[in-house]
Amino acid sequence: MKINVDATVPHDINRGVGVVIRNDMRIITASRTQAIPYPLEAHEAEAYATFWGLNFAKDYCFLKVILESNNIEVMDALKQRRYFNSCFRTFIIDAISLIRNFRIVEFSHVKRKKNRVVHELATLALTNPSCM
């Protein structure tokens, strides 16, 4: 299963996350929006989105997942287990702690163009905080 995640960070205090899970035929099997209850910077919100996406996939009991994000800083941190001091570190550590729930986890950086649907969901989260 491919998990696409994205966060939106407009100029006000609201933040949102979108998650789309697709099967190997690229059919959407699950999607969700979530408002972020914290005033996060963009890279922190993207890290939160990866944690939230993995947690969502865990709830569906998927065993093999590929997590995709258009934020290379987050993908590199997950691949290299590299942490920084901030909320970013906390969300990366939390995301890594979820890996044990899967047989296989891969992390992949994708261009923003390929993340368009999930970006729209993240934007939707600003007005519809929790939507499946």
N, C-alpha and C. Protein backbone atom coordinates (compact mmCIF):
# COMPACT_ATOMS: atom_id res chain seq x y z
N MET A 1 0.83 -1.17 0.00
CA MET A 1 0.00 0.00 0.00
C MET A 1 0.88 1.24 0.00
N LYS A 2 0.48 2.21 -0.77
CA LYS A 2 1.18 3.50 -0.77
C LYS A 2 0.40 4.49 0.06
N ILE A 3 1.11 5.13 0.97
CA ILE A 3 0.52 6.15 1.82
C ILE A 3 1.10 7.49 1.39
N ASN A 4 0.27 8.35 0.87
CA ASN A 4 0.69 9.71 0.54
C ASN A 4 0.23 10.63 1.66
N VAL A 5 1.15 11.45 2.15
CA VAL A 5 0.82 12.39 3.21
C VAL A 5 1.24 13.79 2.82
N ASP A 6 0.53 14.76 3.35
CA ASP A 6 0.90 16.15 3.14
C ASP A 6 0.29 16.99 4.25
N ALA A 7 0.92 18.12 4.49
CA ALA A 7 0.41 19.09 5.46
C ALA A 7 0.29 20.43 4.77
N THR A 8 -0.66 21.21 5.22
CA THR A 8 -0.79 22.57 4.71
C THR A 8 -0.61 23.53 5.87
N VAL A 9 0.15 24.58 5.61
CA VAL A 9 0.47 25.56 6.65
C VAL A 9 0.23 26.95 6.07
N PRO A 10 -1.02 27.41 6.12
CA PRO A 10 -1.30 28.76 5.64
C PRO A 10 -0.73 29.80 6.61
N HIS A 11 -0.92 31.05 6.31
CA HIS A 11 -0.32 32.12 7.11
C HIS A 11 -1.00 32.35 8.45
N ASP A 12 -2.19 31.81 8.66
CA ASP A 12 -2.83 31.97 9.96
C ASP A 12 -2.39 30.82 10.88
N ILE A 13 -3.10 30.61 11.96
CA ILE A 13 -2.67 29.59 12.93
C ILE A 13 -3.16 28.19 12.60
N ASN A 14 -4.06 28.03 11.65
CA ASN A 14 -4.58 26.71 11.31
C ASN A 14 -3.57 25.90 10.51
N ARG A 15 -3.59 24.60 10.73
CA ARG A 15 -2.77 23.65 9.97
C ARG A 15 -3.65 22.44 9.67
N GLY A 16 -3.31 21.71 8.60
CA GLY A 16 -4.10 20.54 8.26
C GLY A 16 -3.24 19.44 7.68
N VAL A 17 -3.71 18.20 7.82
CA VAL A 17 -3.03 17.02 7.29
C VAL A 17 -4.00 16.27 6.39
N GLY A 18 -3.47 15.73 5.31
CA GLY A 18 -4.23 14.84 4.45
C GLY A 18 -3.48 13.54 4.28
N VAL A 19 -4.21 12.44 4.21
CA VAL A 19 -3.62 11.12 3.99
C VAL A 19 -4.45 10.39 2.95
N VAL A 20 -3.78 9.79 1.97
CA VAL A 20 -4.43 8.95 0.97
C VAL A 20 -3.68 7.64 0.93
N ILE A 21 -4.41 6.53 1.02
CA ILE A 21 -3.80 5.20 0.92
C ILE A 21 -4.33 4.55 -0.35
N ARG A 22 -3.38 4.10 -1.20
CA ARG A 22 -3.73 3.45 -2.46
C ARG A 22 -3.18 2.03 -2.48
N ASN A 23 -3.90 1.16 -3.19
CA ASN A 23 -3.40 -0.21 -3.35
C ASN A 23 -2.46 -0.27 -4.54
N ASP A 24 -2.00 -1.48 -4.88
CA ASP A 24 -1.03 -1.63 -5.97
C ASP A 24 -1.61 -1.32 -7.35
N MET A 25 -2.93 -1.19 -7.44
CA MET A 25 -3.57 -0.80 -8.71
C MET A 25 -3.87 0.70 -8.71
N ARG A 26 -3.34 1.44 -7.73
CA ARG A 26 -3.50 2.88 -7.58
C ARG A 26 -4.92 3.31 -7.24
N ILE A 27 -5.71 2.37 -6.74
CA ILE A 27 -7.08 2.67 -6.31
C ILE A 27 -7.04 3.13 -4.86
N ILE A 28 -7.71 4.23 -4.58
CA ILE A 28 -7.75 4.75 -3.21
C ILE A 28 -8.58 3.81 -2.34
N THR A 29 -7.96 3.32 -1.28
CA THR A 29 -8.66 2.42 -0.36
C THR A 29 -9.04 3.12 0.94
N ALA A 30 -8.37 4.22 1.25
CA ALA A 30 -8.70 4.99 2.46
C ALA A 30 -8.14 6.40 2.31
N SER A 31 -8.83 7.34 2.92
CA SER A 31 -8.32 8.71 2.94
C SER A 31 -8.86 9.40 4.19
N ARG A 32 -8.16 10.46 4.57
CA ARG A 32 -8.57 11.13 5.80
C ARG A 32 -7.97 12.53 5.87
N THR A 33 -8.67 13.39 6.56
CA THR A 33 -8.14 14.72 6.87
C THR A 33 -8.06 14.85 8.39
N GLN A 34 -7.18 15.73 8.82
CA GLN A 34 -7.05 15.97 10.25
C GLN A 34 -6.51 17.38 10.47
N ALA A 35 -7.16 18.13 11.32
CA ALA A 35 -6.63 19.43 11.72
C ALA A 35 -5.46 19.19 12.66
N ILE A 36 -4.44 20.01 12.56
CA ILE A 36 -3.30 19.91 13.46
C ILE A 36 -3.55 20.88 14.62
N PRO A 37 -3.59 20.35 15.84
CA PRO A 37 -3.92 21.21 16.99
C PRO A 37 -2.74 21.99 17.56
N TYR A 38 -1.66 22.14 16.79
CA TYR A 38 -0.47 22.82 17.27
C TYR A 38 -0.03 23.89 16.27
N PRO A 39 0.57 24.97 16.73
CA PRO A 39 1.08 26.00 15.81
C PRO A 39 2.47 25.61 15.30
N LEU A 40 2.52 24.73 14.32
CA LEU A 40 3.78 24.16 13.84
C LEU A 40 4.34 24.91 12.64
N GLU A 41 5.66 24.83 12.50
CA GLU A 41 6.33 25.28 11.28
C GLU A 41 6.05 24.25 10.19
N ALA A 42 6.33 24.60 8.94
CA ALA A 42 6.01 23.72 7.81
C ALA A 42 6.67 22.35 7.94
N HIS A 43 7.98 22.28 8.22
CA HIS A 43 8.65 20.98 8.30
C HIS A 43 8.14 20.16 9.49
N GLU A 44 7.74 20.83 10.57
CA GLU A 44 7.17 20.11 11.71
C GLU A 44 5.80 19.54 11.36
N ALA A 45 5.00 20.31 10.63
CA ALA A 45 3.68 19.84 10.20
C ALA A 45 3.81 18.65 9.25
N GLU A 46 4.81 18.68 8.38
CA GLU A 46 5.04 17.55 7.46
C GLU A 46 5.47 16.31 8.25
N ALA A 47 6.29 16.49 9.27
CA ALA A 47 6.69 15.36 10.12
C ALA A 47 5.48 14.79 10.86
N TYR A 48 4.62 15.68 11.35
CA TYR A 48 3.38 15.25 12.00
C TYR A 48 2.52 14.45 11.01
N ALA A 49 2.47 14.88 9.76
CA ALA A 49 1.68 14.18 8.74
C ALA A 49 2.20 12.77 8.52
N THR A 50 3.52 12.57 8.55
CA THR A 50 4.05 11.22 8.35
C THR A 50 3.68 10.32 9.52
N PHE A 51 3.77 10.86 10.74
CA PHE A 51 3.35 10.08 11.90
C PHE A 51 1.88 9.71 11.78
N TRP A 52 1.08 10.68 11.45
CA TRP A 52 -0.35 10.47 11.37
C TRP A 52 -0.71 9.49 10.26
N GLY A 53 -0.01 9.57 9.12
CA GLY A 53 -0.25 8.64 8.02
C GLY A 53 0.10 7.20 8.38
N LEU A 54 1.24 7.01 9.04
CA LEU A 54 1.62 5.67 9.48
C LEU A 54 0.65 5.13 10.52
N ASN A 55 0.20 5.97 11.40
CA ASN A 55 -0.76 5.55 12.42
C ASN A 55 -2.09 5.14 11.77
N PHE A 56 -2.51 5.88 10.77
CA PHE A 56 -3.73 5.56 10.02
C PHE A 56 -3.59 4.21 9.33
N ALA A 57 -2.45 3.95 8.70
CA ALA A 57 -2.20 2.67 8.03
C ALA A 57 -2.16 1.52 9.04
N LYS A 58 -1.59 1.78 10.20
CA LYS A 58 -1.54 0.76 11.26
C LYS A 58 -2.95 0.37 11.68
N ASP A 59 -3.83 1.35 11.80
CA ASP A 59 -5.22 1.07 12.19
C ASP A 59 -5.93 0.18 11.18
N TYR A 60 -5.51 0.23 9.92
CA TYR A 60 -6.09 -0.63 8.89
C TYR A 60 -5.36 -1.96 8.76
N CYS A 61 -4.34 -2.17 9.58
CA CYS A 61 -3.59 -3.43 9.63
C CYS A 61 -2.86 -3.76 8.33
N PHE A 62 -2.41 -2.74 7.61
CA PHE A 62 -1.59 -3.00 6.42
C PHE A 62 -0.22 -3.47 6.88
N LEU A 63 0.38 -4.41 6.16
CA LEU A 63 1.66 -4.97 6.57
C LEU A 63 2.84 -4.43 5.79
N LYS A 64 2.62 -4.09 4.52
CA LYS A 64 3.69 -3.56 3.68
C LYS A 64 3.26 -2.19 3.18
N VAL A 65 4.03 -1.16 3.53
CA VAL A 65 3.65 0.19 3.14
C VAL A 65 4.84 0.96 2.56
N ILE A 66 4.50 1.85 1.66
CA ILE A 66 5.45 2.82 1.12
C ILE A 66 4.89 4.19 1.47
N LEU A 67 5.60 4.91 2.30
CA LEU A 67 5.17 6.24 2.71
C LEU A 67 5.78 7.26 1.76
N GLU A 68 4.93 8.08 1.14
CA GLU A 68 5.39 9.08 0.18
C GLU A 68 5.04 10.48 0.68
N SER A 69 6.01 11.38 0.53
CA SER A 69 5.81 12.78 0.90
C SER A 69 6.62 13.64 -0.05
N ASN A 70 6.18 14.87 -0.25
CA ASN A 70 6.95 15.77 -1.09
C ASN A 70 7.95 16.60 -0.28
N ASN A 71 8.11 16.27 1.00
CA ASN A 71 9.06 16.98 1.85
C ASN A 71 10.32 16.13 2.02
N ILE A 72 11.37 16.50 1.31
CA ILE A 72 12.59 15.69 1.32
C ILE A 72 13.27 15.69 2.69
N GLU A 73 13.16 16.78 3.44
CA GLU A 73 13.76 16.85 4.77
C GLU A 73 13.17 15.78 5.69
N VAL A 74 11.87 15.60 5.63
CA VAL A 74 11.20 14.59 6.45
C VAL A 74 11.57 13.19 5.99
N MET A 75 11.55 12.95 4.67
CA MET A 75 11.88 11.62 4.16
C MET A 75 13.32 11.25 4.51
N ASP A 76 14.25 12.19 4.39
CA ASP A 76 15.64 11.92 4.77
C ASP A 76 15.77 11.63 6.26
N ALA A 77 15.05 12.37 7.09
CA ALA A 77 15.10 12.14 8.54
C ALA A 77 14.60 10.75 8.88
N LEU A 78 13.54 10.30 8.20
CA LEU A 78 13.01 8.96 8.47
C LEU A 78 13.95 7.87 7.97
N LYS A 79 14.52 8.06 6.79
CA LYS A 79 15.43 7.06 6.23
C LYS A 79 16.71 6.94 7.05
N GLN A 80 17.24 8.08 7.47
CA GLN A 80 18.54 8.11 8.15
C GLN A 80 18.43 8.11 9.67
N ARG A 81 17.19 8.11 10.17
CA ARG A 81 16.95 8.18 11.63
C ARG A 81 17.69 9.38 12.21
N ARG A 82 17.58 10.51 11.53
CA ARG A 82 18.27 11.74 11.92
C ARG A 82 17.26 12.67 12.59
N TYR A 83 17.62 13.16 13.75
CA TYR A 83 16.71 13.98 14.52
C TYR A 83 17.27 15.38 14.74
N PHE A 84 16.37 16.31 14.98
CA PHE A 84 16.73 17.68 15.32
C PHE A 84 16.02 18.02 16.62
N ASN A 85 16.41 19.09 17.23
CA ASN A 85 15.72 19.55 18.44
C ASN A 85 14.54 20.41 18.06
N SER A 86 13.35 19.95 18.36
CA SER A 86 12.11 20.70 18.13
C SER A 86 10.98 19.69 18.11
N CYS A 87 9.80 20.17 17.79
CA CYS A 87 8.67 19.25 17.61
C CYS A 87 8.96 18.28 16.47
N PHE A 88 9.76 18.73 15.49
CA PHE A 88 10.14 17.87 14.37
C PHE A 88 10.72 16.56 14.89
N ARG A 89 11.64 16.64 15.82
CA ARG A 89 12.28 15.46 16.41
C ARG A 89 11.22 14.53 17.02
N THR A 90 10.32 15.11 17.78
CA THR A 90 9.28 14.32 18.44
C THR A 90 8.44 13.55 17.44
N PHE A 91 8.01 14.22 16.38
CA PHE A 91 7.15 13.56 15.40
C PHE A 91 7.91 12.51 14.59
N ILE A 92 9.19 12.76 14.30
CA ILE A 92 10.00 11.76 13.59
C ILE A 92 10.19 10.53 14.47
N ILE A 93 10.51 10.73 15.73
CA ILE A 93 10.68 9.60 16.65
C ILE A 93 9.37 8.83 16.78
N ASP A 94 8.25 9.54 16.89
CA ASP A 94 6.95 8.87 16.98
C ASP A 94 6.65 8.07 15.71
N ALA A 95 6.97 8.63 14.55
CA ALA A 95 6.74 7.91 13.28
C ALA A 95 7.60 6.66 13.23
N ILE A 96 8.86 6.78 13.61
CA ILE A 96 9.77 5.63 13.59
C ILE A 96 9.29 4.55 14.56
N SER A 97 8.71 4.96 15.68
CA SER A 97 8.22 3.97 16.65
C SER A 97 7.08 3.13 16.08
N LEU A 98 6.39 3.63 15.07
CA LEU A 98 5.29 2.88 14.45
C LEU A 98 5.76 1.84 13.45
N ILE A 99 7.02 1.91 13.04
CA ILE A 99 7.53 1.00 12.01
C ILE A 99 7.39 -0.46 12.42
N ARG A 100 7.53 -0.74 13.69
CA ARG A 100 7.46 -2.14 14.15
C ARG A 100 6.09 -2.78 13.91
N ASN A 101 5.09 -1.98 13.58
CA ASN A 101 3.75 -2.50 13.31
C ASN A 101 3.59 -3.03 11.89
N PHE A 102 4.62 -2.88 11.07
CA PHE A 102 4.57 -3.30 9.67
C PHE A 102 5.68 -4.30 9.38
N ARG A 103 5.45 -5.15 8.39
CA ARG A 103 6.52 -6.06 7.95
C ARG A 103 7.57 -5.30 7.15
N ILE A 104 7.10 -4.44 6.25
CA ILE A 104 8.00 -3.67 5.39
C ILE A 104 7.52 -2.23 5.35
N VAL A 105 8.46 -1.30 5.53
CA VAL A 105 8.16 0.12 5.39
C VAL A 105 9.26 0.75 4.54
N GLU A 106 8.84 1.46 3.51
CA GLU A 106 9.78 2.21 2.67
C GLU A 106 9.36 3.68 2.71
N PHE A 107 10.34 4.55 2.55
CA PHE A 107 10.08 5.99 2.52
C PHE A 107 10.51 6.53 1.17
N SER A 108 9.65 7.33 0.56
CA SER A 108 9.93 7.82 -0.78
C SER A 108 9.56 9.30 -0.90
N HIS A 109 10.49 10.06 -1.45
CA HIS A 109 10.22 11.47 -1.75
C HIS A 109 9.58 11.54 -3.13
N VAL A 110 8.47 12.26 -3.24
CA VAL A 110 7.79 12.46 -4.53
C VAL A 110 7.67 13.95 -4.80
N LYS A 111 7.55 14.30 -6.05
CA LYS A 111 7.37 15.70 -6.41
C LYS A 111 5.98 16.16 -6.00
N ARG A 112 5.86 17.44 -5.73
CA ARG A 112 4.58 18.02 -5.30
C ARG A 112 3.46 17.68 -6.27
N LYS A 113 3.76 17.63 -7.55
CA LYS A 113 2.75 17.32 -8.58
C LYS A 113 2.08 15.97 -8.32
N LYS A 114 2.84 15.00 -7.82
CA LYS A 114 2.29 13.67 -7.55
C LYS A 114 1.53 13.62 -6.23
N ASN A 115 1.62 14.67 -5.46
CA ASN A 115 0.97 14.71 -4.15
C ASN A 115 -0.24 15.65 -4.15
N ARG A 116 -0.74 15.97 -5.32
CA ARG A 116 -1.80 16.98 -5.45
C ARG A 116 -3.08 16.60 -4.70
N VAL A 117 -3.54 15.36 -4.83
CA VAL A 117 -4.79 14.94 -4.19
C VAL A 117 -4.68 15.07 -2.67
N VAL A 118 -3.60 14.58 -2.13
CA VAL A 118 -3.44 14.62 -0.67
C VAL A 118 -3.23 16.06 -0.19
N HIS A 119 -2.63 16.90 -1.02
CA HIS A 119 -2.50 18.31 -0.65
C HIS A 119 -3.89 18.97 -0.55
N GLU A 120 -4.77 18.62 -1.49
CA GLU A 120 -6.13 19.16 -1.43
C GLU A 120 -6.86 18.69 -0.18
N LEU A 121 -6.62 17.44 0.22
CA LEU A 121 -7.21 16.94 1.47
C LEU A 121 -6.67 17.70 2.68
N ALA A 122 -5.38 17.97 2.68
CA ALA A 122 -4.79 18.72 3.79
C ALA A 122 -5.41 20.11 3.88
N THR A 123 -5.67 20.71 2.73
CA THR A 123 -6.33 22.02 2.70
C THR A 123 -7.77 21.91 3.20
N LEU A 124 -8.44 20.82 2.83
CA LEU A 124 -9.80 20.57 3.29
C LEU A 124 -9.86 20.46 4.81
N ALA A 125 -8.79 19.95 5.41
CA ALA A 125 -8.75 19.78 6.87
C ALA A 125 -8.88 21.10 7.61
N LEU A 126 -8.58 22.20 6.94
CA LEU A 126 -8.70 23.51 7.58
C LEU A 126 -10.16 23.85 7.88
N THR A 127 -11.08 23.35 7.04
CA THR A 127 -12.50 23.63 7.25
C THR A 127 -13.29 22.41 7.70
N ASN A 128 -12.75 21.21 7.46
CA ASN A 128 -13.37 19.94 7.90
C ASN A 128 -12.31 19.16 8.66
N PRO A 129 -12.14 19.44 9.95
CA PRO A 129 -11.00 18.93 10.71
C PRO A 129 -10.80 17.42 10.73
N SER A 130 -11.86 16.65 10.69
CA SER A 130 -11.69 15.19 10.73
C SER A 130 -12.71 14.57 9.79
N CYS A 131 -12.24 14.19 8.63
CA CYS A 131 -13.13 13.69 7.58
C CYS A 131 -12.53 12.43 6.99
N MET A 132 -13.34 11.38 6.86
CA MET A 132 -12.87 10.13 6.25
C MET A 132 -13.55 9.93 4.93
